[in-house]
Structures are given as structure tokens and as C-alpha cells.
């Protein structure tokens, strides 16, 4: 998730199943995905500029 820890490990530590973890923390996970997408886009743009 945002911390880089796998969802399975987070669920295990808080005593939930992965399904429960995703159901209750879906908004946080979605924000994390948006951040990851932005980082990927930034890296791709940088790589395109270097290759020119």
C-alpha cells in the first residue's frame, strides 16, 4: 500500500482478511494507485526526454 508493505502483510498484522482490508481501506488504496500512476507517468516522460 502507500508504505510499500504488501496488503497480505498489512491484513495479517491487523488481524483481517485481505478482502476486509480492501473493503475498509479502498479509498486509501485508490489514492495510492493514483500516486503510483503519477510517478510512472513522470518517469516515462523523463525517459522519453533522455532518449531524444
PDB file of N, CA and C in Angstrom:
ATOM      1  N   UNK A   1       0.848  -1.147   0.000  1.00  0.00           N
ATOM      2  CA  UNK A   1       0.000   0.000   0.000  1.00  0.00           C
ATOM      3  C   UNK A   1       0.902   1.221   0.000  1.00  0.00           C
ATOM      4  N   UNK A   2       0.485   2.329   0.541  1.00  0.00           N
ATOM      5  CA  UNK A   2       1.306   3.526   0.466  1.00  0.00           C
ATOM      6  C   UNK A   2       2.685   3.324   1.067  1.00  0.00           C
ATOM      7  N   UNK A   3       2.775   2.515   2.090  1.00  0.00           N
ATOM      8  CA  UNK A   3       4.048   2.285   2.761  1.00  0.00           C
ATOM      9  C   UNK A   3       4.952   1.343   1.986  1.00  0.00           C
ATOM     10  N   UNK A   4       4.420   0.671   0.990  1.00  0.00           N
ATOM     11  CA  UNK A   4       5.183  -0.307   0.242  1.00  0.00           C
ATOM     12  C   UNK A   4       5.091  -1.715   0.813  1.00  0.00           C
ATOM     13  N   UNK A   5       4.359  -1.863   1.916  1.00  0.00           N
ATOM     14  CA  UNK A   5       4.168  -3.174   2.526  1.00  0.00           C
ATOM     15  C   UNK A   5       3.038  -3.882   1.792  1.00  0.00           C
ATOM     16  N   UNK A   6       3.191  -5.171   1.570  1.00  0.00           N
ATOM     17  CA  UNK A   6       2.171  -5.906   0.825  1.00  0.00           C
ATOM     18  C   UNK A   6       0.849  -5.932   1.590  1.00  0.00           C
ATOM     19  N   UNK A   7      -0.266  -5.890   0.866  1.00  0.00           N
ATOM     20  CA  UNK A   7      -1.575  -5.956   1.517  1.00  0.00           C
ATOM     21  C   UNK A   7      -1.743  -7.201   2.388  1.00  0.00           C
ATOM     22  N   UNK A   8      -1.158  -8.310   1.966  1.00  0.00           N
ATOM     23  CA  UNK A   8      -1.273  -9.538   2.758  1.00  0.00           C
ATOM     24  C   UNK A   8      -0.627  -9.366   4.128  1.00  0.00           C
ATOM     25  N   UNK A   9       0.515  -8.709   4.172  1.00  0.00           N
ATOM     26  CA  UNK A   9       1.205  -8.486   5.445  1.00  0.00           C
ATOM     27  C   UNK A   9       0.439  -7.510   6.328  1.00  0.00           C
ATOM     28  N   UNK A  10      -0.093  -6.446   5.730  1.00  0.00           N
ATOM     29  CA  UNK A  10      -0.889  -5.483   6.496  1.00  0.00           C
ATOM     30  C   UNK A  10      -2.106  -6.187   7.091  1.00  0.00           C
ATOM     31  N   UNK A  11      -2.811  -6.962   6.290  1.00  0.00           N
ATOM     32  CA  UNK A  11      -4.002  -7.682   6.763  1.00  0.00           C
ATOM     33  C   UNK A  11      -3.637  -8.634   7.898  1.00  0.00           C
ATOM     34  N   UNK A  12      -2.560  -9.339   7.750  1.00  0.00           N
ATOM     35  CA  UNK A  12      -2.139 -10.285   8.791  1.00  0.00           C
ATOM     36  C   UNK A  12      -1.860  -9.564  10.100  1.00  0.00           C
ATOM     37  N   UNK A  13      -1.183  -8.441  10.034  1.00  0.00           N
ATOM     38  CA  UNK A  13      -0.816  -7.713  11.251  1.00  0.00           C
ATOM     39  C   UNK A  13      -2.008  -7.097  11.969  1.00  0.00           C
ATOM     40  N   UNK A  14      -3.023  -6.697  11.217  1.00  0.00           N
ATOM     41  CA  UNK A  14      -4.196  -6.106  11.872  1.00  0.00           C
ATOM     42  C   UNK A  14      -5.281  -7.133  12.150  1.00  0.00           C
ATOM     43  N   UNK A  15      -5.034  -8.377  11.749  1.00  0.00           N
ATOM     44  CA  UNK A  15      -5.981  -9.444  12.050  1.00  0.00           C
ATOM     45  C   UNK A  15      -7.194  -9.486  11.147  1.00  0.00           C
ATOM     46  N   UNK A  16      -7.049  -8.997   9.929  1.00  0.00           N
ATOM     47  CA  UNK A  16      -8.144  -9.010   8.956  1.00  0.00           C
ATOM     48  C   UNK A  16      -7.771  -9.900   7.779  1.00  0.00           C
ATOM     49  N   UNK A  17      -8.776 -10.268   7.030  1.00  0.00           N
ATOM     50  CA  UNK A  17      -8.508 -10.909   5.743  1.00  0.00           C
ATOM     51  C   UNK A  17      -8.156  -9.803   4.747  1.00  0.00           C
ATOM     52  N   UNK A  18      -7.582 -10.194   3.629  1.00  0.00           N
ATOM     53  CA  UNK A  18      -7.274  -9.202   2.599  1.00  0.00           C
ATOM     54  C   UNK A  18      -8.560  -8.564   2.080  1.00  0.00           C
ATOM     55  N   UNK A  19      -9.627  -9.354   1.961  1.00  0.00           N
ATOM     56  CA  UNK A  19     -10.911  -8.818   1.479  1.00  0.00           C
ATOM     57  C   UNK A  19     -11.421  -7.714   2.400  1.00  0.00           C
ATOM     58  N   UNK A  20     -11.337  -7.937   3.703  1.00  0.00           N
ATOM     59  CA  UNK A  20     -11.784  -6.919   4.665  1.00  0.00           C
ATOM     60  C   UNK A  20     -10.887  -5.690   4.563  1.00  0.00           C
ATOM     61  N   UNK A  21      -9.598  -5.906   4.460  1.00  0.00           N
ATOM     62  CA  UNK A  21      -8.663  -4.796   4.335  1.00  0.00           C
ATOM     63  C   UNK A  21      -9.026  -3.923   3.137  1.00  0.00           C
ATOM     64  N   UNK A  22      -9.240  -4.550   1.981  1.00  0.00           N
ATOM     65  CA  UNK A  22      -9.581  -3.784   0.788  1.00  0.00           C
ATOM     66  C   UNK A  22     -10.947  -3.112   0.891  1.00  0.00           C
ATOM     67  N   UNK A  23     -11.903  -3.771   1.516  1.00  0.00           N
ATOM     68  CA  UNK A  23     -13.234  -3.183   1.639  1.00  0.00           C
ATOM     69  C   UNK A  23     -13.196  -1.921   2.487  1.00  0.00           C
ATOM     70  N   UNK A  24     -12.472  -1.938   3.592  1.00  0.00           N
ATOM     71  CA  UNK A  24     -12.473  -0.803   4.504  1.00  0.00           C
ATOM     72  C   UNK A  24     -11.453   0.274   4.137  1.00  0.00           C
ATOM     73  N   UNK A  25     -10.421  -0.110   3.420  1.00  0.00           N
ATOM     74  CA  UNK A  25      -9.378   0.859   3.104  1.00  0.00           C
ATOM     75  C   UNK A  25      -9.262   1.132   1.612  1.00  0.00           C
ATOM     76  N   UNK A  26     -10.329   0.893   0.885  1.00  0.00           N
ATOM     77  CA  UNK A  26     -10.310   1.058  -0.572  1.00  0.00           C
ATOM     78  C   UNK A  26      -9.935   2.476  -0.981  1.00  0.00           C
ATOM     79  N   UNK A  27     -10.388   3.491  -0.250  1.00  0.00           N
ATOM     80  CA  UNK A  27     -10.068   4.877  -0.614  1.00  0.00           C
ATOM     81  C   UNK A  27      -8.578   5.135  -0.501  1.00  0.00           C
ATOM     82  N   UNK A  28      -7.968   4.629   0.552  1.00  0.00           N
ATOM     83  CA  UNK A  28      -6.523   4.812   0.715  1.00  0.00           C
ATOM     84  C   UNK A  28      -5.768   4.081  -0.380  1.00  0.00           C
ATOM     85  N   UNK A  29      -6.229   2.906  -0.731  1.00  0.00           N
ATOM     86  CA  UNK A  29      -5.582   2.132  -1.787  1.00  0.00           C
ATOM     87  C   UNK A  29      -5.730   2.849  -3.116  1.00  0.00           C
ATOM     88  N   UNK A  30      -6.914   3.416  -3.364  1.00  0.00           N
ATOM     89  CA  UNK A  30      -7.141   4.147  -4.616  1.00  0.00           C
ATOM     90  C   UNK A  30      -6.203   5.348  -4.704  1.00  0.00           C
ATOM     91  N   UNK A  31      -6.038   6.089  -3.600  1.00  0.00           N
ATOM     92  CA  UNK A  31      -5.119   7.227  -3.605  1.00  0.00           C
ATOM     93  C   UNK A  31      -3.702   6.755  -3.906  1.00  0.00           C
ATOM     94  N   UNK A  32      -3.340   5.624  -3.351  1.00  0.00           N
ATOM     95  CA  UNK A  32      -2.012   5.075  -3.581  1.00  0.00           C
ATOM     96  C   UNK A  32      -1.818   4.738  -5.057  1.00  0.00           C
ATOM     97  N   UNK A  33      -2.832   4.192  -5.684  1.00  0.00           N
ATOM     98  CA  UNK A  33      -2.752   3.860  -7.101  1.00  0.00           C
ATOM     99  C   UNK A  33      -2.610   5.120  -7.944  1.00  0.00           C
ATOM    100  N   UNK A  34      -3.334   6.163  -7.577  1.00  0.00           N
ATOM    101  CA  UNK A  34      -3.226   7.415  -8.314  1.00  0.00           C
ATOM    102  C   UNK A  34      -1.810   7.967  -8.210  1.00  0.00           C
ATOM    103  N   UNK A  35      -1.232   7.886  -7.022  1.00  0.00           N
ATOM    104  CA  UNK A  35       0.130   8.370  -6.820  1.00  0.00           C
ATOM    105  C   UNK A  35       1.114   7.541  -7.655  1.00  0.00           C
ATOM    106  N   UNK A  36       0.940   6.241  -7.651  1.00  0.00           N
ATOM    107  CA  UNK A  36       1.808   5.362  -8.436  1.00  0.00           C
ATOM    108  C   UNK A  36       1.690   5.692  -9.922  1.00  0.00           C
ATOM    109  N   UNK A  37       0.478   5.921 -10.400  1.00  0.00           N
ATOM    110  CA  UNK A  37       0.277   6.273 -11.814  1.00  0.00           C
ATOM    111  C   UNK A  37       0.998   7.574 -12.152  1.00  0.00           C
ATOM    112  N   UNK A  38       0.934   8.546 -11.257  1.00  0.00           N
ATOM    113  CA  UNK A  38       1.617   9.819 -11.491  1.00  0.00           C
ATOM    114  C   UNK A  38       3.126   9.621 -11.546  1.00  0.00           C
ATOM    115  N   UNK A  39       3.660   8.801 -10.658  1.00  0.00           N
ATOM    116  CA  UNK A  39       5.097   8.538 -10.660  1.00  0.00           C
ATOM    117  C   UNK A  39       5.527   7.836 -11.945  1.00  0.00           C
ATOM    118  N   UNK A  40       4.729   6.888 -12.394  1.00  0.00           N
ATOM    119  CA  UNK A  40       5.047   6.167 -13.629  1.00  0.00           C
ATOM    120  C   UNK A  40       5.027   7.125 -14.816  1.00  0.00           C
ATOM    121  N   UNK A  41       4.008   7.963 -14.894  1.00  0.00           N
ATOM    122  CA  UNK A  41       3.928   8.940 -15.985  1.00  0.00           C
ATOM    123  C   UNK A  41       5.135   9.863 -15.974  1.00  0.00           C
ATOM    124  N   UNK A  42       5.513  10.330 -14.793  1.00  0.00           N
ATOM    125  CA  UNK A  42       6.668  11.216 -14.668  1.00  0.00           C
ATOM    126  C   UNK A  42       7.934  10.513 -15.156  1.00  0.00           C
ATOM    127  N   UNK A  43       8.124   9.274 -14.755  1.00  0.00           N
ATOM    128  CA  UNK A  43       9.311   8.514 -15.168  1.00  0.00           C
ATOM    129  C   UNK A  43       9.321   8.282 -16.676  1.00  0.00           C
ATOM    130  N   UNK A  44       8.166   7.985 -17.246  1.00  0.00           N
ATOM    131  CA  UNK A  44       8.089   7.769 -18.692  1.00  0.00           C
ATOM    132  C   UNK A  44       8.408   9.044 -19.462  1.00  0.00           C
ATOM    133  N   UNK A  45       7.902  10.168 -18.991  1.00  0.00           N
ATOM    134  CA  UNK A  45       8.200  11.442 -19.647  1.00  0.00           C
ATOM    135  C   UNK A  45       9.689  11.742 -19.575  1.00  0.00           C
ATOM    136  N   UNK A  46      10.289  11.501 -18.430  1.00  0.00           N
ATOM    137  CA  UNK A  46      11.722  11.739 -18.269  1.00  0.00           C
ATOM    138  C   UNK A  46      12.521  10.840 -19.192  1.00  0.00           C
ATOM    139  N   UNK A  47      12.124   9.582 -19.294  1.00  0.00           N
ATOM    140  CA  UNK A  47      12.840   8.642 -20.156  1.00  0.00           C
ATOM    141  C   UNK A  47      12.717   9.043 -21.623  1.00  0.00           C
ATOM    142  N   UNK A  48      11.555   9.540 -22.010  1.00  0.00           N
ATOM    143  CA  UNK A  48      11.377   9.995 -23.395  1.00  0.00           C
ATOM    144  C   UNK A  48      12.270  11.181 -23.709  1.00  0.00           C
ATOM    145  N   UNK A  49      12.422  12.084 -22.745  1.00  0.00           N
ATOM    146  CA  UNK A  49      13.265  13.265 -22.966  1.00  0.00           C
ATOM    147  C   UNK A  49      14.731  12.880 -23.084  1.00  0.00           C
ATOM    148  N   UNK A  50      15.163  11.903 -22.306  1.00  0.00           N
ATOM    149  CA  UNK A  50      16.560  11.457 -22.347  1.00  0.00           C
ATOM    150  C   UNK A  50      16.851  10.761 -23.671  1.00  0.00           C
ATOM    151  N   UNK A  51      15.886  10.025 -24.188  1.00  0.00           N
ATOM    152  CA  UNK A  51      16.124   9.249 -25.408  1.00  0.00           C
ATOM    153  C   UNK A  51      16.079  10.098 -26.674  1.00  0.00           C
ATOM    154  N   UNK A  52      15.734  11.343 -26.560  1.00  0.00           N
ATOM    155  CA  UNK A  52      15.667  12.224 -27.750  1.00  0.00           C
ATOM    156  C   UNK A  52      16.991  12.783 -28.121  1.00  0.00           C
TER     157      UNK A  52
END
